[in-house]
Structure formats: structure tokens, C-alpha cells
Amino acid sequence: MSVNLLRTESRVIRPFKGLNAASNLLDRVQLKQGQKFFSPGTIILPFIKLKEQHFSLVLDTEHDDFISACKQAGLNPDHVTFYVFANSRTLRKSTLIFEMALNEARKVPKEIAIEDTYGDELSRYVFHDSAGFQVVAALVLNQNLQPKPLEIHKVGTFLAKTSFVLKPEEDLSSFAPEPLTDILRADFKLPKSCMSYIYIQETILNTEDLSESITVYLDSEILNLLLIDESDQVSKHLQVALAIQTLEALLMGISRALEKDGLEYSDLSENSGSISFLQKLSGDLRLSIEELLSLCQSDPSKLRSQLEDKFKVQTLVEQLLKRGQ
């Protein structure tokens, strides 16, 4: 795996024919909350709106469109299942919302409610994640078929999928960590025993969603232990330390990208995730954006002190040390 190719694809290149109809079909799916409709992609909402939920998926399509999309891909509709599921942004947890095998008789509903009412133990980890959650709609092959050139035949293969990432406005550092494996350490040329790494792409100034330009990696074993009990004091301290490291890396990445391109922060588009990040962090730390960028370059230790104050690190460490006595 080449480091330069990580998370840079805008659309996956797939060696199958006849999938355009399925992809176009799901691109027309919308997420609804109240009277508002959202297209696939990242949706940033006030925290209270995210907690209110009352979301639904609206399928502005006819049932025959689903049948036609399957047939265009050379598949019997009975062999394709329409799934809707949700993922936590912070934890590796997911919950199934809806599933239905497509056929001529059963009709795909026009609207599918997305609510925490499924009696699924995992759903509380998904819908109550303070960092938000992701809703995915997908058409998936539900059985193995006789292999044919350029046609889908393996069970579990996606014909198409679309997703909505719901995030609170207050979200600054809740980038769900991914496992840092020995293979990734080698790819990034990292020491074998390093615990974490934050990879930032050069596209950081141009993306609306910063999560598309940053990946937070945490040692796979430590990540698994962290997920066992996130409420443990040691786990909380680790999460805070990783949040501070992420904010520092983001600020440094933005600062370097501005310098490299000969830009001022005022040159950034109002839709840029970087300007939103700078404005939010500036307000939280009660520093101007100019002061933030200056500290990043001239006094990073003082910047860390500001972040430690924001996350109340002193209190957290004091509690941790007292518990160990």
C-alpha cells in the first residue's frame, strides 16, 4: 500500500459492468429531519438537533427502478438485498436498521425511519455517540453465484452504496481512531513501538469535511483495550491525550499548507473545513486566529498548555494519580 494513495479516491474503481443504474439510484436517496432534506455526504448539525434524531431516509424512486438496476447488473433481484445500517463515528460499532431482499412482489418503502427503537444493544453505542454517526444505504449481493466475466458473483459484494455522516457543530477532535498495524508503521516509516500517528493529506485546505484529509491511528492492541471500557480513568486520559495531539496536528497541518501555498487564512473559502476549524478553536481557546497560528509556529508548548486547559488535563491526571495511591 502506498502512503500517498491513502483516502484519496473520490469513487472506488470497480471491475464490474452494469452498476451505473444502481449507483445513480442510491445517489438520489436523501436524509430527512423535520422539513429539511440532506443529500449524501457530511451533515453538520447543532448538537441538540443531532440528539433529537427523528431522522428518516427518503427514497425518491419507484420500486421498478430497483428491479431494473439489478437486471442491468445481470442479477436476479431475489439475489440482491437492500440494507440500511448505522455506524458509530467513535467506536467500531454498527446496528442494522432495515433489510429487504428485492423481488417483483415486495415493494421498497418510500421512507425508512432511523430511530433508536430496535432493541439492539449495539444501537445505543451508535445513536448516542457524542461525535455523531453514519447512516449507510447499500445494495448487496446476498448469495454466491456462478462466476462470469465482469459480473458480480461473490456474496457480500456491494452493487452500490451511499452514506450520510452526521456530526455535531461542536465536533473538533472526535476523529474515530483506526488501528495502527505493523504494516502501516512500515508504510509510514514509523518506529516499531510507536503508539499513535496522525496522517494529514495535502488537500486539507480544500476539503469541506476535515475527516477526509486526516486519519488518526492508534496501536491496534491499545485501541481494542480502549474500546472495552471508555469510561475508565486511564481510557479517558488516553482519549484526551489523543484529542490534544489531533488538534495540534491539524493546526500544524493547516499552518504549513497556508505557508506552502503563500496564503493567509482569510484567503480560505467559507466552505473550507479548515476555516471552520480555526474559527471554532479560536472561540474555544479565546484566542484570535492570528494568535493561534502564531503560537503554532513560535511557541507550540504554550499552545499545548492552552489545549490542556480546554480539556481539563490537570484535574484528570490528578484523579488518576490519586486513584493509584
Protein backbone atom coordinates (compact mmCIF):
# COMPACT_ATOMS: atom_id res chain seq x y z
CA MET A 1 0.00 0.00 0.00
CA SER A 2 1.31 3.39 -0.95
CA VAL A 3 1.06 6.09 1.70
CA ASN A 4 0.34 8.70 -0.97
CA LEU A 5 -2.83 6.87 -2.02
CA LEU A 6 -4.46 6.67 1.40
CA ARG A 7 -8.03 8.01 1.44
CA THR A 8 -7.62 9.92 -1.84
CA GLU A 9 -10.21 8.14 -4.03
CA SER A 10 -13.37 10.10 -4.73
CA ARG A 11 -15.02 6.97 -6.16
CA VAL A 12 -13.88 3.37 -5.98
CA ILE A 13 -12.82 1.91 -9.33
CA ARG A 14 -14.57 -1.45 -9.69
CA PRO A 15 -14.08 -4.08 -12.44
CA PHE A 16 -17.79 -4.85 -12.89
CA LYS A 17 -20.24 -3.86 -15.60
CA GLY A 18 -23.81 -2.65 -15.34
CA LEU A 19 -23.55 -0.83 -11.99
CA ASN A 20 -24.33 2.73 -13.11
CA ALA A 21 -28.07 2.38 -12.59
CA ALA A 22 -27.60 1.08 -9.04
CA SER A 23 -25.15 3.87 -8.15
CA ASN A 24 -27.38 6.58 -9.60
CA LEU A 25 -30.34 5.09 -7.76
CA LEU A 26 -28.71 5.42 -4.33
CA ASP A 27 -27.25 8.85 -5.10
CA ARG A 28 -30.86 10.09 -5.16
CA VAL A 29 -31.56 8.90 -1.61
CA GLN A 30 -31.99 11.78 0.87
CA LEU A 31 -31.89 12.08 4.64
CA LYS A 32 -34.81 13.90 6.22
CA GLN A 33 -35.15 15.59 9.60
CA GLY A 34 -38.34 17.55 10.12
CA GLN A 35 -38.86 19.65 7.00
CA LYS A 36 -35.19 19.59 5.97
CA PHE A 37 -33.70 17.27 3.37
CA PHE A 38 -30.00 16.44 3.02
CA SER A 39 -28.08 14.88 0.15
CA PRO A 40 -25.44 12.16 0.75
CA GLY A 41 -22.23 13.40 2.37
CA THR A 42 -21.31 15.12 5.62
CA ILE A 43 -24.10 16.84 7.56
CA ILE A 44 -23.14 19.15 10.43
CA LEU A 45 -25.97 19.91 12.84
CA PRO A 46 -26.33 21.73 16.15
CA PHE A 47 -25.69 19.23 18.93
CA ILE A 48 -29.29 19.44 20.16
CA LYS A 49 -30.63 18.67 16.66
CA LEU A 50 -28.41 15.62 16.44
CA LYS A 51 -29.66 14.36 19.79
CA GLU A 52 -33.30 14.97 18.82
CA GLN A 53 -32.83 12.48 15.97
CA HIS A 54 -36.19 11.84 14.23
CA PHE A 55 -34.31 11.10 11.02
CA SER A 56 -35.55 9.10 8.06
CA LEU A 57 -34.28 8.05 4.65
CA VAL A 58 -36.42 9.18 1.73
CA LEU A 59 -36.25 7.10 -1.45
CA ASP A 60 -37.46 9.24 -4.32
CA THR A 61 -37.59 6.22 -6.64
CA GLU A 62 -40.06 3.70 -7.94
CA HIS A 63 -39.82 0.05 -6.95
CA ASP A 64 -39.32 -0.84 -10.62
CA ASP A 65 -36.13 1.25 -10.58
CA PHE A 66 -34.59 -1.12 -8.04
CA ILE A 67 -35.61 -4.14 -10.11
CA SER A 68 -34.25 -2.56 -13.28
CA ALA A 69 -30.91 -1.70 -11.59
CA CYS A 70 -30.44 -5.33 -10.56
CA LYS A 71 -31.23 -6.62 -14.02
CA GLN A 72 -28.88 -4.10 -15.65
CA ALA A 73 -26.11 -5.58 -13.46
CA GLY A 74 -27.05 -9.05 -14.77
CA LEU A 75 -28.58 -10.12 -11.44
CA ASN A 76 -31.87 -11.65 -10.39
CA PRO A 77 -33.48 -9.16 -7.94
CA ASP A 78 -34.01 -12.03 -5.48
CA HIS A 79 -30.21 -12.25 -5.18
CA VAL A 80 -29.88 -8.62 -4.04
CA THR A 81 -30.69 -7.23 -0.59
CA PHE A 82 -31.27 -3.58 0.23
CA TYR A 83 -29.66 -2.70 3.56
CA VAL A 84 -29.72 0.41 5.73
CA PHE A 85 -27.37 0.40 8.71
CA ALA A 86 -25.72 2.93 11.02
CA ASN A 87 -22.15 3.15 12.33
CA SER A 88 -20.74 4.92 15.35
CA ARG A 89 -18.11 7.53 14.45
CA THR A 90 -16.03 6.91 17.56
CA LEU A 91 -16.47 3.20 18.23
CA ARG A 92 -16.31 0.27 15.87
CA LYS A 93 -19.99 -0.46 16.41
CA SER A 94 -22.87 -0.70 13.96
CA THR A 95 -26.57 -1.52 14.03
CA LEU A 96 -28.92 -2.77 11.32
CA ILE A 97 -31.89 -0.51 10.57
CA PHE A 98 -33.57 -2.13 7.56
CA GLU A 99 -33.07 -5.09 5.22
CA MET A 100 -35.14 -6.45 2.38
CA ALA A 101 -34.40 -8.84 -0.46
CA LEU A 102 -35.59 -7.27 -3.70
CA ASN A 103 -38.19 -9.01 -5.82
CA GLU A 104 -41.13 -8.19 -8.05
CA ALA A 105 -43.74 -8.65 -5.31
CA ARG A 106 -42.33 -6.81 -2.26
CA LYS A 107 -42.18 -3.04 -2.52
CA VAL A 108 -39.30 -0.96 -1.15
CA PRO A 109 -40.83 1.66 1.18
CA LYS A 110 -40.68 5.32 0.21
CA GLU A 111 -39.43 6.35 3.68
CA ILE A 112 -37.46 4.43 6.30
CA ALA A 113 -37.35 5.73 9.89
CA ILE A 114 -33.95 5.93 11.58
CA GLU A 115 -34.62 5.69 15.29
CA ASP A 116 -33.10 4.11 18.37
CA THR A 117 -36.06 1.76 18.82
CA TYR A 118 -34.68 -1.54 17.65
CA GLY A 119 -33.95 -3.20 20.97
CA ASP A 120 -30.41 -3.76 19.74
CA GLU A 121 -27.73 -3.43 22.41
CA LEU A 122 -25.34 -2.00 19.82
CA SER A 123 -27.71 0.80 18.76
CA ARG A 124 -27.10 2.79 21.94
CA TYR A 125 -23.38 2.93 21.10
CA VAL A 126 -24.25 4.24 17.63
CA PHE A 127 -27.04 6.77 18.17
CA HIS A 128 -25.69 8.08 21.47
CA ASP A 129 -22.16 8.67 20.19
CA SER A 130 -21.34 12.28 21.08
CA ALA A 131 -19.25 12.54 17.89
CA GLY A 132 -22.21 11.59 15.68
CA PHE A 133 -22.93 8.59 13.50
CA GLN A 134 -23.03 7.46 9.87
CA VAL A 135 -26.06 6.10 8.01
CA VAL A 136 -25.36 3.84 5.03
CA ALA A 137 -27.77 2.57 2.36
CA ALA A 138 -26.49 -0.24 0.17
CA LEU A 139 -27.47 -2.82 -2.42
CA VAL A 140 -25.60 -6.05 -1.66
CA LEU A 141 -25.39 -9.48 -3.31
CA ASN A 142 -26.88 -11.95 -0.83
CA GLN A 143 -25.50 -15.25 -2.19
CA ASN A 144 -22.64 -16.68 -4.21
CA LEU A 145 -23.30 -17.02 -7.94
CA GLN A 146 -21.62 -18.78 -10.83
CA PRO A 147 -18.63 -16.57 -11.76
CA LYS A 148 -18.95 -14.70 -15.04
CA PRO A 149 -16.51 -12.18 -16.55
CA LEU A 150 -17.07 -8.62 -15.30
CA GLU A 151 -20.16 -9.61 -13.28
CA ILE A 152 -20.63 -9.57 -9.51
CA HIS A 153 -20.74 -13.09 -8.10
CA LYS A 154 -19.36 -13.13 -4.52
CA VAL A 155 -21.80 -12.87 -1.62
CA GLY A 156 -21.46 -9.59 0.27
CA THR A 157 -20.31 -7.58 -2.77
CA PHE A 158 -21.80 -4.09 -2.98
CA LEU A 159 -23.61 -3.12 -6.15
CA ALA A 160 -23.76 0.41 -4.80
CA LYS A 161 -23.87 2.31 -1.54
CA THR A 162 -24.34 5.85 -0.30
CA SER A 163 -23.79 7.37 3.13
CA PHE A 164 -24.64 10.30 5.36
CA VAL A 165 -22.16 11.33 8.08
CA LEU A 166 -23.92 13.23 10.87
CA LYS A 167 -21.66 15.35 13.06
CA PRO A 168 -22.31 17.94 15.77
CA GLU A 169 -21.15 21.52 15.19
CA GLU A 170 -19.13 21.31 18.39
CA ASP A 171 -17.07 18.44 16.99
CA LEU A 172 -13.38 19.38 16.76
CA SER A 173 -11.30 16.37 17.68
CA SER A 174 -13.62 13.37 17.58
CA PHE A 175 -11.93 11.63 14.68
CA ALA A 176 -12.51 7.92 15.21
CA PRO A 177 -9.07 6.25 15.50
CA GLU A 178 -8.14 3.45 13.15
CA PRO A 179 -5.83 0.53 14.07
CA LEU A 180 -2.11 1.24 13.67
CA THR A 181 -0.65 -2.05 12.49
CA ASP A 182 2.93 -3.13 11.82
CA ILE A 183 2.22 -2.91 8.08
CA LEU A 184 1.12 0.72 8.43
CA ARG A 185 4.16 1.51 10.58
CA ALA A 186 6.35 0.21 7.77
CA ASP A 187 4.39 2.19 5.13
CA PHE A 188 4.69 5.41 7.11
CA LYS A 189 8.32 4.63 8.09
CA LEU A 190 7.44 4.80 11.79
CA PRO A 191 9.30 3.23 14.74
CA LYS A 192 8.06 -0.29 15.52
CA SER A 193 6.90 0.56 19.05
CA CYS A 194 5.20 3.91 18.39
CA MET A 195 1.68 4.12 19.80
CA SER A 196 -0.02 6.63 17.52
CA TYR A 197 0.28 8.57 14.29
CA ILE A 198 -1.80 11.27 12.64
CA TYR A 199 -1.71 11.37 8.85
CA ILE A 200 -2.76 14.64 7.18
CA GLN A 201 -3.19 14.95 3.43
CA GLU A 202 -2.17 17.93 1.33
CA THR A 203 -5.84 18.54 0.48
CA ILE A 204 -6.54 19.88 3.98
CA LEU A 205 -7.26 23.43 2.79
CA ASN A 206 -9.66 22.37 0.04
CA THR A 207 -11.99 19.90 1.75
CA GLU A 208 -15.26 20.81 3.46
CA ASP A 209 -15.00 17.81 5.78
CA LEU A 210 -11.66 17.65 7.61
CA SER A 211 -12.16 13.95 8.32
CA GLU A 212 -11.49 13.35 4.61
CA SER A 213 -7.97 14.79 5.00
CA ILE A 214 -6.93 13.38 8.36
CA THR A 215 -6.60 9.87 9.72
CA VAL A 216 -5.89 9.22 13.39
CA TYR A 217 -4.09 5.94 14.02
CA LEU A 218 -3.77 4.20 17.40
CA ASP A 219 -1.93 0.96 18.13
CA SER A 220 -4.38 -1.87 17.36
CA GLU A 221 -3.98 -3.62 20.72
CA ILE A 222 -4.35 -0.39 22.68
CA LEU A 223 -7.39 0.56 20.60
CA ASN A 224 -9.05 -2.76 21.41
CA LEU A 225 -8.36 -2.29 25.13
CA LEU A 226 -9.68 1.27 24.95
CA LEU A 227 -12.95 0.11 23.43
CA ILE A 228 -13.54 -2.37 26.26
CA ASP A 229 -14.29 0.43 28.72
CA GLU A 230 -14.09 4.03 27.54
CA SER A 231 -15.30 5.29 30.92
CA ASP A 232 -12.19 4.02 32.75
CA GLN A 233 -9.95 6.85 34.04
CA VAL A 234 -6.92 5.60 32.10
CA SER A 235 -9.02 5.36 28.95
CA LYS A 236 -10.30 8.90 29.45
CA HIS A 237 -6.77 10.19 29.83
CA LEU A 238 -5.70 8.40 26.65
CA GLN A 239 -8.66 9.84 24.74
CA VAL A 240 -7.86 13.35 25.93
CA ALA A 241 -4.18 12.97 25.05
CA LEU A 242 -5.12 11.76 21.56
CA ALA A 243 -7.60 14.64 21.14
CA ILE A 244 -4.92 17.19 22.02
CA GLN A 245 -2.43 15.51 19.69
CA THR A 246 -5.05 15.60 16.90
CA LEU A 247 -5.81 19.29 17.37
CA GLU A 248 -2.10 20.14 17.38
CA ALA A 249 -1.52 18.12 14.22
CA LEU A 250 -4.49 19.74 12.47
CA LEU A 251 -3.38 23.24 13.36
CA MET A 252 0.18 22.50 12.27
CA GLY A 253 -1.04 20.93 9.03
CA ILE A 254 -3.20 23.94 8.20
CA SER A 255 -0.39 26.36 9.09
CA ARG A 256 2.12 24.53 6.89
CA ALA A 257 -0.32 24.26 3.99
CA LEU A 258 -1.04 28.01 4.14
CA GLU A 259 2.67 28.80 4.20
CA LYS A 260 3.41 26.41 1.35
CA ASP A 261 0.71 27.94 -0.87
CA GLY A 262 1.58 31.51 0.14
CA LEU A 263 -1.91 32.09 1.57
CA GLU A 264 -3.46 33.81 4.56
CA TYR A 265 -6.27 32.12 6.45
CA SER A 266 -8.58 34.89 5.15
CA ASP A 267 -7.99 33.52 1.64
CA LEU A 268 -9.78 30.26 2.51
CA SER A 269 -13.25 29.57 1.18
CA GLU A 270 -16.06 29.95 3.72
CA ASN A 271 -16.95 26.33 2.92
CA SER A 272 -13.47 25.12 3.83
CA GLY A 273 -13.35 22.76 6.79
CA SER A 274 -10.07 24.39 7.78
CA ILE A 275 -11.59 27.85 8.30
CA SER A 276 -14.45 26.33 10.31
CA PHE A 277 -11.89 24.51 12.44
CA LEU A 278 -9.83 27.68 13.02
CA GLN A 279 -12.91 29.71 13.92
CA LYS A 280 -14.19 27.08 16.38
CA LEU A 281 -10.81 26.52 18.07
CA SER A 282 -10.24 30.26 18.22
CA GLY A 283 -13.52 30.72 20.06
CA ASP A 284 -12.91 27.78 22.43
CA LEU A 285 -9.43 28.97 23.41
CA ARG A 286 -10.38 32.66 23.38
CA LEU A 287 -7.52 33.47 21.05
CA SER A 288 -7.65 35.15 17.66
CA ILE A 289 -6.89 33.02 14.63
CA GLU A 290 -3.72 35.05 14.14
CA GLU A 291 -2.65 34.18 17.70
CA LEU A 292 -3.42 30.51 17.15
CA LEU A 293 -1.31 30.28 14.01
CA SER A 294 1.48 32.30 15.61
CA LEU A 295 1.59 30.02 18.67
CA CYS A 296 1.64 27.01 16.40
CA GLN A 297 4.86 28.25 14.80
CA SER A 298 6.62 30.18 17.58
CA ASP A 299 5.55 28.57 20.86
CA PRO A 300 3.91 25.13 20.41
CA SER A 301 4.46 24.38 24.11
CA LYS A 302 2.21 27.31 25.04
CA LEU A 303 -0.37 26.11 22.54
CA ARG A 304 -0.37 22.70 24.26
CA SER A 305 -0.92 24.45 27.60
CA GLN A 306 -3.98 26.16 26.17
CA LEU A 307 -5.34 22.81 24.93
CA GLU A 308 -4.62 21.12 28.26
CA ASP A 309 -6.68 23.83 29.94
CA LYS A 310 -9.55 23.28 27.48
CA PHE A 311 -9.63 19.54 28.20
CA LYS A 312 -9.03 19.94 31.97
CA VAL A 313 -5.99 17.67 31.86
CA GLN A 314 -4.76 18.75 35.29
CA THR A 315 -7.93 17.52 37.00
CA LEU A 316 -7.94 14.29 35.03
CA VAL A 317 -4.31 13.43 35.83
CA GLU A 318 -4.75 14.38 39.49
CA GLN A 319 -7.70 11.98 39.78
CA LEU A 320 -5.71 9.28 38.05
CA LEU A 321 -2.72 9.65 40.39
CA LYS A 322 -4.89 9.72 43.50
CA ARG A 323 -6.63 6.52 42.40
CA GLY A 324 -3.24 4.79 42.13
CA GLN A 325 -2.14 5.72 45.67
